[in-house]
Amino acid sequence: MKNLCLFLVFMLFVTVVKAQSTFVRFITNKGNITVMLYDETPAHRDMFLKSIKKGLYKNAEFNRVIKDFVSQGGELDDTILNREKMNPGLGAKRFPAEIRSSIFHKKGGLGAGRDDNPEKASYFTQIYLVAGKKQTDDQLDAIEKKKNRKIPAAQRAIYKTLGGTPHLDQDYTIFGEIVEGMDVADAINSVATDKNNVPLKAVVFNPVVLSKMEVLKLKRN
């Protein structure tokens, strides 16, 4: 049964990769990570692409790393909130959520960070990569009970075999996933940090949008 689940996960992954059109490579000092951006979340896809083009993620850092949970990059919450506090006339600008029931926090997911705003709207300059853990049926049942929602069978299978952070589902926008370099993402998620989850040695990244030729080559591999 476990092998069947892994096979189904792999086939779903291949199908999804072939269906998407936009890919971004995170060039880091730990190696490279390639992510595909979901066409099902077009607003976040385009917002992230515009942020890259503007240079908002140039020499950014994975500056909040929690092992087996997430690796967060871009601006920290305090940086964003303090800037807004110092410039009240600008307001607290957030990006409308694009939460989809079919898109969830499996390991390797690319999400948009946010504060505790009730609309669940995203920051413009903060992303995270899902690390998470493999889940048991009991753990998933407990999450269902706590959040009063049913986790679909296909998603349960992936959480049990691949892992992730299911308790974040339906609260944050996931708009992509890793297709290459999961080992690099794991290495980043395992770096030594201080008590505030800040890496002791900076983990720098620069996101680059892949060309059409690079995407075609990626899909052939």
C-alpha atoms as a PDB file:
ATOM      1  CA  MET A   1       0.000   0.000   0.000  1.00  0.00           C
ATOM      2  CA  LYS A   2       2.811   2.413   0.865  1.00  0.00           C
ATOM      3  CA  ASN A   3       4.520   1.811  -2.488  1.00  0.00           C
ATOM      4  CA  LEU A   4       1.215   2.401  -4.266  1.00  0.00           C
ATOM      5  CA  CYS A   5       0.773   5.713  -2.459  1.00  0.00           C
ATOM      6  CA  LEU A   6       4.299   6.800  -3.380  1.00  0.00           C
ATOM      7  CA  PHE A   7       3.651   5.866  -7.021  1.00  0.00           C
ATOM      8  CA  LEU A   8       0.418   7.880  -7.053  1.00  0.00           C
ATOM      9  CA  VAL A   9       2.211  10.858  -5.503  1.00  0.00           C
ATOM     10  CA  PHE A  10       4.902  10.639  -8.190  1.00  0.00           C
ATOM     11  CA  MET A  11       2.376  10.419 -11.034  1.00  0.00           C
ATOM     12  CA  LEU A  12       0.439  13.386  -9.659  1.00  0.00           C
ATOM     13  CA  PHE A  13       3.680  15.358  -9.402  1.00  0.00           C
ATOM     14  CA  VAL A  14       4.608  14.594 -13.042  1.00  0.00           C
ATOM     15  CA  THR A  15       1.142  15.564 -14.256  1.00  0.00           C
ATOM     16  CA  VAL A  16       1.177  18.853 -12.342  1.00  0.00           C
ATOM     17  CA  VAL A  17       4.672  19.772 -13.582  1.00  0.00           C
ATOM     18  CA  LYS A  18       3.677  19.267 -17.219  1.00  0.00           C
ATOM     19  CA  ALA A  19       0.572  21.417 -16.728  1.00  0.00           C
ATOM     20  CA  GLN A  20       2.318  24.508 -15.275  1.00  0.00           C
ATOM     21  CA  SER A  21       4.028  27.193 -17.310  1.00  0.00           C
ATOM     22  CA  THR A  22       6.121  29.321 -14.937  1.00  0.00           C
ATOM     23  CA  PHE A  23       9.225  28.180 -13.068  1.00  0.00           C
ATOM     24  CA  VAL A  24      11.651  30.038 -10.829  1.00  0.00           C
ATOM     25  CA  ARG A  25      15.107  28.953  -9.673  1.00  0.00           C
ATOM     26  CA  PHE A  26      16.321  29.975  -6.229  1.00  0.00           C
ATOM     27  CA  ILE A  27      20.100  30.320  -6.502  1.00  0.00           C
ATOM     28  CA  THR A  28      21.388  29.927  -2.955  1.00  0.00           C
ATOM     29  CA  ASN A  29      24.740  29.525  -1.254  1.00  0.00           C
ATOM     30  CA  LYS A  30      23.609  26.003  -0.359  1.00  0.00           C
ATOM     31  CA  GLY A  31      22.743  24.990  -3.941  1.00  0.00           C
ATOM     32  CA  ASN A  32      19.829  25.604  -6.287  1.00  0.00           C
ATOM     33  CA  ILE A  33      16.108  24.993  -5.820  1.00  0.00           C
ATOM     34  CA  THR A  34      13.651  25.098  -8.712  1.00  0.00           C
ATOM     35  CA  VAL A  35       9.975  25.795  -8.038  1.00  0.00           C
ATOM     36  CA  MET A  36       6.963  25.854 -10.300  1.00  0.00           C
ATOM     37  CA  LEU A  37       4.367  28.547  -9.748  1.00  0.00           C
ATOM     38  CA  TYR A  38       0.764  27.386  -9.893  1.00  0.00           C
ATOM     39  CA  ASP A  39      -1.437  28.739 -12.647  1.00  0.00           C
ATOM     40  CA  GLU A  40      -4.309  28.071 -10.216  1.00  0.00           C
ATOM     41  CA  THR A  41      -3.069  31.006  -8.108  1.00  0.00           C
ATOM     42  CA  PRO A  42      -2.382  33.529 -10.896  1.00  0.00           C
ATOM     43  CA  ALA A  43      -2.453  36.655  -8.739  1.00  0.00           C
ATOM     44  CA  HIS A  44       0.265  35.404  -6.371  1.00  0.00           C
ATOM     45  CA  ARG A  45       2.224  33.976  -9.295  1.00  0.00           C
ATOM     46  CA  ASP A  46       2.260  37.348 -11.039  1.00  0.00           C
ATOM     47  CA  MET A  47       2.866  39.278  -7.820  1.00  0.00           C
ATOM     48  CA  PHE A  48       5.937  37.149  -7.079  1.00  0.00           C
ATOM     49  CA  LEU A  49       7.233  37.558 -10.634  1.00  0.00           C
ATOM     50  CA  LYS A  50       6.834  41.347 -10.394  1.00  0.00           C
ATOM     51  CA  SER A  51       8.638  41.366  -7.047  1.00  0.00           C
ATOM     52  CA  ILE A  52      11.532  39.442  -8.602  1.00  0.00           C
ATOM     53  CA  LYS A  53      11.648  41.839 -11.564  1.00  0.00           C
ATOM     54  CA  LYS A  54      11.711  44.840  -9.203  1.00  0.00           C
ATOM     55  CA  GLY A  55      14.665  43.306  -7.356  1.00  0.00           C
ATOM     56  CA  LEU A  56      12.797  43.005  -4.069  1.00  0.00           C
ATOM     57  CA  TYR A  57      14.315  39.563  -3.476  1.00  0.00           C
ATOM     58  CA  LYS A  58      17.848  40.393  -4.629  1.00  0.00           C
ATOM     59  CA  ASN A  59      20.322  38.847  -2.164  1.00  0.00           C
ATOM     60  CA  ALA A  60      17.438  37.997   0.153  1.00  0.00           C
ATOM     61  CA  GLU A  61      17.913  35.553   3.019  1.00  0.00           C
ATOM     62  CA  PHE A  62      16.153  32.569   4.501  1.00  0.00           C
ATOM     63  CA  ASN A  63      16.105  34.407   7.797  1.00  0.00           C
ATOM     64  CA  ARG A  64      13.680  32.339   9.874  1.00  0.00           C
ATOM     65  CA  VAL A  65      14.291  28.600   9.759  1.00  0.00           C
ATOM     66  CA  ILE A  66      12.333  26.173  11.909  1.00  0.00           C
ATOM     67  CA  LYS A  67      13.394  22.575  11.405  1.00  0.00           C
ATOM     68  CA  ASP A  68      10.656  20.243  10.198  1.00  0.00           C
ATOM     69  CA  PHE A  69       8.311  23.212   9.835  1.00  0.00           C
ATOM     70  CA  VAL A  70       9.238  25.967   7.336  1.00  0.00           C
ATOM     71  CA  SER A  71      12.150  27.940   5.896  1.00  0.00           C
ATOM     72  CA  GLN A  72      11.024  31.569   5.615  1.00  0.00           C
ATOM     73  CA  GLY A  73      12.688  34.057   3.281  1.00  0.00           C
ATOM     74  CA  GLY A  74      12.474  37.728   2.346  1.00  0.00           C
ATOM     75  CA  GLU A  75      11.484  40.383   4.854  1.00  0.00           C
ATOM     76  CA  LEU A  76      10.796  39.459   8.461  1.00  0.00           C
ATOM     77  CA  ASP A  77       7.465  40.291  10.096  1.00  0.00           C
ATOM     78  CA  ASP A  78       9.125  42.827  12.428  1.00  0.00           C
ATOM     79  CA  THR A  79      10.784  44.621   9.504  1.00  0.00           C
ATOM     80  CA  ILE A  80       7.488  44.971   7.665  1.00  0.00           C
ATOM     81  CA  LEU A  81       5.392  45.888  10.714  1.00  0.00           C
ATOM     82  CA  ASN A  82       7.946  48.410  12.035  1.00  0.00           C
ATOM     83  CA  ARG A  83       8.111  50.132   8.633  1.00  0.00           C
ATOM     84  CA  GLU A  84       4.328  50.376   8.595  1.00  0.00           C
ATOM     85  CA  LYS A  85       4.339  51.760  12.145  1.00  0.00           C
ATOM     86  CA  MET A  86       6.888  54.406  11.189  1.00  0.00           C
ATOM     87  CA  ASN A  87       4.866  55.359   8.101  1.00  0.00           C
ATOM     88  CA  PRO A  88       1.196  55.163   9.148  1.00  0.00           C
ATOM     89  CA  GLY A  89       0.101  57.178   6.145  1.00  0.00           C
ATOM     90  CA  LEU A  90       1.083  54.324   3.836  1.00  0.00           C
ATOM     91  CA  GLY A  91      -1.278  51.888   5.534  1.00  0.00           C
ATOM     92  CA  ALA A  92      -0.783  48.146   5.946  1.00  0.00           C
ATOM     93  CA  LYS A  93      -0.654  46.924   2.370  1.00  0.00           C
ATOM     94  CA  ARG A  94      -1.485  43.238   1.938  1.00  0.00           C
ATOM     95  CA  PHE A  95      -2.146  41.024  -1.077  1.00  0.00           C
ATOM     96  CA  PRO A  96      -5.573  39.298  -1.240  1.00  0.00           C
ATOM     97  CA  ALA A  97      -5.466  35.614  -0.326  1.00  0.00           C
ATOM     98  CA  GLU A  98      -5.806  32.909  -3.001  1.00  0.00           C
ATOM     99  CA  ILE A  99      -6.534  29.923  -0.814  1.00  0.00           C
ATOM    100  CA  ARG A 100      -7.661  26.835  -2.755  1.00  0.00           C
ATOM    101  CA  SER A 101      -9.001  23.650  -1.178  1.00  0.00           C
ATOM    102  CA  SER A 102      -7.070  21.575  -3.737  1.00  0.00           C
ATOM    103  CA  ILE A 103      -3.735  23.222  -2.872  1.00  0.00           C
ATOM    104  CA  PHE A 104      -2.210  22.270   0.457  1.00  0.00           C
ATOM    105  CA  HIS A 105       0.908  22.404   2.617  1.00  0.00           C
ATOM    106  CA  LYS A 106       2.731  19.309   1.440  1.00  0.00           C
ATOM    107  CA  LYS A 107       6.495  19.198   1.839  1.00  0.00           C
ATOM    108  CA  GLY A 108       8.137  21.421  -0.768  1.00  0.00           C
ATOM    109  CA  GLY A 109       5.223  23.831  -1.048  1.00  0.00           C
ATOM    110  CA  LEU A 110       5.938  27.509  -1.712  1.00  0.00           C
ATOM    111  CA  GLY A 111       3.786  29.804   0.393  1.00  0.00           C
ATOM    112  CA  ALA A 112       3.271  33.507   1.017  1.00  0.00           C
ATOM    113  CA  GLY A 113       3.853  34.744   4.550  1.00  0.00           C
ATOM    114  CA  ARG A 114       1.416  37.023   6.363  1.00  0.00           C
ATOM    115  CA  ASP A 115       0.497  38.537   9.714  1.00  0.00           C
ATOM    116  CA  ASP A 116      -2.666  37.744  11.661  1.00  0.00           C
ATOM    117  CA  ASN A 117      -4.992  39.855   9.521  1.00  0.00           C
ATOM    118  CA  PRO A 118      -8.516  38.353   9.383  1.00  0.00           C
ATOM    119  CA  GLU A 119      -8.590  38.339   5.567  1.00  0.00           C
ATOM    120  CA  LYS A 120      -5.539  36.006   5.530  1.00  0.00           C
ATOM    121  CA  ALA A 121      -3.964  38.381   3.003  1.00  0.00           C
ATOM    122  CA  SER A 122      -0.283  37.936   2.155  1.00  0.00           C
ATOM    123  CA  TYR A 123       2.819  40.054   2.540  1.00  0.00           C
ATOM    124  CA  PHE A 124       4.348  41.273  -0.718  1.00  0.00           C
ATOM    125  CA  THR A 125       7.918  40.413   0.258  1.00  0.00           C
ATOM    126  CA  GLN A 126       7.881  37.238   2.343  1.00  0.00           C
ATOM    127  CA  ILE A 127       7.776  33.626   1.182  1.00  0.00           C
ATOM    128  CA  TYR A 128       8.348  30.249   2.806  1.00  0.00           C
ATOM    129  CA  LEU A 129       9.187  26.700   1.796  1.00  0.00           C
ATOM    130  CA  VAL A 130       7.267  23.972   3.590  1.00  0.00           C
ATOM    131  CA  ALA A 131       9.393  21.353   5.350  1.00  0.00           C
ATOM    132  CA  GLY A 132       7.077  19.619   7.788  1.00  0.00           C
ATOM    133  CA  LYS A 133       6.932  16.009   8.882  1.00  0.00           C
ATOM    134  CA  LYS A 134       5.203  12.816   7.831  1.00  0.00           C
ATOM    135  CA  GLN A 135       1.832  12.598   9.540  1.00  0.00           C
ATOM    136  CA  THR A 136      -0.016   9.682  11.080  1.00  0.00           C
ATOM    137  CA  ASP A 137      -3.744   9.050  10.734  1.00  0.00           C
ATOM    138  CA  ASP A 138      -4.189   9.982  14.400  1.00  0.00           C
ATOM    139  CA  GLN A 139      -2.423  13.304  13.864  1.00  0.00           C
ATOM    140  CA  LEU A 140      -4.488  14.084  10.780  1.00  0.00           C
ATOM    141  CA  ASP A 141      -7.680  13.104  12.604  1.00  0.00           C
ATOM    142  CA  ALA A 142      -6.770  15.506  15.415  1.00  0.00           C
ATOM    143  CA  ILE A 143      -6.253  18.354  12.931  1.00  0.00           C
ATOM    144  CA  GLU A 144      -9.613  17.605  11.314  1.00  0.00           C
ATOM    145  CA  LYS A 145     -11.301  17.783  14.709  1.00  0.00           C
ATOM    146  CA  LYS A 146      -9.523  20.979  15.763  1.00  0.00           C
ATOM    147  CA  LYS A 147     -10.162  22.828  12.500  1.00  0.00           C
ATOM    148  CA  ASN A 148     -13.574  21.292  11.850  1.00  0.00           C
ATOM    149  CA  ARG A 149     -12.816  20.272   8.276  1.00  0.00           C
ATOM    150  CA  LYS A 150     -12.178  17.077   6.370  1.00  0.00           C
ATOM    151  CA  ILE A 151      -8.774  16.402   4.822  1.00  0.00           C
ATOM    152  CA  PRO A 152      -9.320  14.750   1.403  1.00  0.00           C
ATOM    153  CA  ALA A 153      -8.057  11.173   1.054  1.00  0.00           C
ATOM    154  CA  ALA A 154      -5.510  12.093  -1.630  1.00  0.00           C
ATOM    155  CA  GLN A 155      -4.043  14.818   0.567  1.00  0.00           C
ATOM    156  CA  ARG A 156      -3.940  12.481   3.579  1.00  0.00           C
ATOM    157  CA  ALA A 157      -1.943   9.966   1.509  1.00  0.00           C
ATOM    158  CA  ILE A 158       0.624  12.624   0.615  1.00  0.00           C
ATOM    159  CA  TYR A 159       0.874  13.894   4.185  1.00  0.00           C
ATOM    160  CA  LYS A 160       1.489  10.317   5.365  1.00  0.00           C
ATOM    161  CA  THR A 161       4.156   9.495   2.760  1.00  0.00           C
ATOM    162  CA  LEU A 162       5.802  12.816   1.848  1.00  0.00           C
ATOM    163  CA  GLY A 163       4.930  14.973   4.833  1.00  0.00           C
ATOM    164  CA  GLY A 164       4.062  18.608   5.334  1.00  0.00           C
ATOM    165  CA  THR A 165       2.313  21.026   7.684  1.00  0.00           C
ATOM    166  CA  PRO A 166      -1.423  20.270   7.360  1.00  0.00           C
ATOM    167  CA  HIS A 167      -2.457  22.514  10.253  1.00  0.00           C
ATOM    168  CA  LEU A 168      -1.607  25.537   8.050  1.00  0.00           C
ATOM    169  CA  ASP A 169      -4.034  24.528   5.295  1.00  0.00           C
ATOM    170  CA  GLN A 170      -6.741  27.047   4.413  1.00  0.00           C
ATOM    171  CA  ASP A 171      -4.963  29.751   6.422  1.00  0.00           C
ATOM    172  CA  TYR A 172      -2.082  30.702   4.101  1.00  0.00           C
ATOM    173  CA  THR A 173      -1.770  30.913   0.326  1.00  0.00           C
ATOM    174  CA  ILE A 174       0.351  28.201  -1.282  1.00  0.00           C
ATOM    175  CA  PHE A 175       1.232  29.246  -4.830  1.00  0.00           C
ATOM    176  CA  GLY A 176       3.923  26.805  -5.978  1.00  0.00           C
ATOM    177  CA  GLU A 177       6.093  23.808  -5.141  1.00  0.00           C
ATOM    178  CA  ILE A 178       9.642  22.525  -5.441  1.00  0.00           C
ATOM    179  CA  VAL A 179      10.400  20.406  -8.524  1.00  0.00           C
ATOM    180  CA  GLU A 180      14.200  20.220  -8.190  1.00  0.00           C
ATOM    181  CA  GLY A 181      16.540  20.629  -5.241  1.00  0.00           C
ATOM    182  CA  MET A 182      14.512  19.182  -2.394  1.00  0.00           C
ATOM    183  CA  ASP A 183      17.820  18.044  -0.882  1.00  0.00           C
ATOM    184  CA  VAL A 184      18.983  21.666  -0.892  1.00  0.00           C
ATOM    185  CA  ALA A 185      15.740  22.763   0.761  1.00  0.00           C
ATOM    186  CA  ASP A 186      16.283  20.061   3.398  1.00  0.00           C
ATOM    187  CA  ALA A 187      19.833  21.314   3.988  1.00  0.00           C
ATOM    188  CA  ILE A 188      18.577  24.866   4.453  1.00  0.00           C
ATOM    189  CA  ASN A 189      15.894  23.685   6.855  1.00  0.00           C
ATOM    190  CA  SER A 190      18.586  21.921   8.910  1.00  0.00           C
ATOM    191  CA  VAL A 191      21.023  24.825   9.393  1.00  0.00           C
ATOM    192  CA  ALA A 192      22.012  25.861  12.889  1.00  0.00           C
ATOM    193  CA  THR A 193      19.980  28.789  14.233  1.00  0.00           C
ATOM    194  CA  ASP A 194      19.852  31.018  17.290  1.00  0.00           C
ATOM    195  CA  LYS A 195      17.007  31.124  19.801  1.00  0.00           C
ATOM    196  CA  ASN A 196      14.990  33.316  17.413  1.00  0.00           C
ATOM    197  CA  ASN A 197      15.312  30.771  14.570  1.00  0.00           C
ATOM    198  CA  VAL A 198      17.734  33.008  12.653  1.00  0.00           C
ATOM    199  CA  PRO A 199      20.494  31.022  10.874  1.00  0.00           C
ATOM    200  CA  LEU A 200      23.917  31.479  12.470  1.00  0.00           C
ATOM    201  CA  LYS A 201      25.377  31.729   8.958  1.00  0.00           C
ATOM    202  CA  ALA A 202      23.407  33.668   6.367  1.00  0.00           C
ATOM    203  CA  VAL A 203      21.551  31.603   3.766  1.00  0.00           C
ATOM    204  CA  VAL A 204      21.281  33.940   0.775  1.00  0.00           C
ATOM    205  CA  PHE A 205      19.078  33.410  -2.262  1.00  0.00           C
ATOM    206  CA  ASN A 206      18.393  35.102  -5.571  1.00  0.00           C
ATOM    207  CA  PRO A 207      15.293  33.993  -7.526  1.00  0.00           C
ATOM    208  CA  VAL A 208      15.604  33.829 -11.324  1.00  0.00           C
ATOM    209  CA  VAL A 209      12.692  33.216 -13.704  1.00  0.00           C
ATOM    210  CA  LEU A 210      13.449  30.372 -16.118  1.00  0.00           C
ATOM    211  CA  SER A 211      13.275  31.019 -19.850  1.00  0.00           C
ATOM    212  CA  LYS A 212      10.930  29.069 -22.136  1.00  0.00           C
ATOM    213  CA  MET A 213      13.858  26.947 -23.335  1.00  0.00           C
ATOM    214  CA  GLU A 214      14.890  26.164 -19.761  1.00  0.00           C
ATOM    215  CA  VAL A 215      11.313  25.195 -18.914  1.00  0.00           C
ATOM    216  CA  LEU A 216      11.095  22.859 -21.917  1.00  0.00           C
ATOM    217  CA  LYS A 217      14.380  21.228 -20.911  1.00  0.00           C
ATOM    218  CA  LEU A 218      13.138  20.853 -17.331  1.00  0.00           C
ATOM    219  CA  LYS A 219       9.919  19.181 -18.444  1.00  0.00           C
ATOM    220  CA  ARG A 220      11.808  16.728 -20.677  1.00  0.00           C
ATOM    221  CA  ASN A 221      13.977  15.538 -17.787  1.00  0.00           C
END
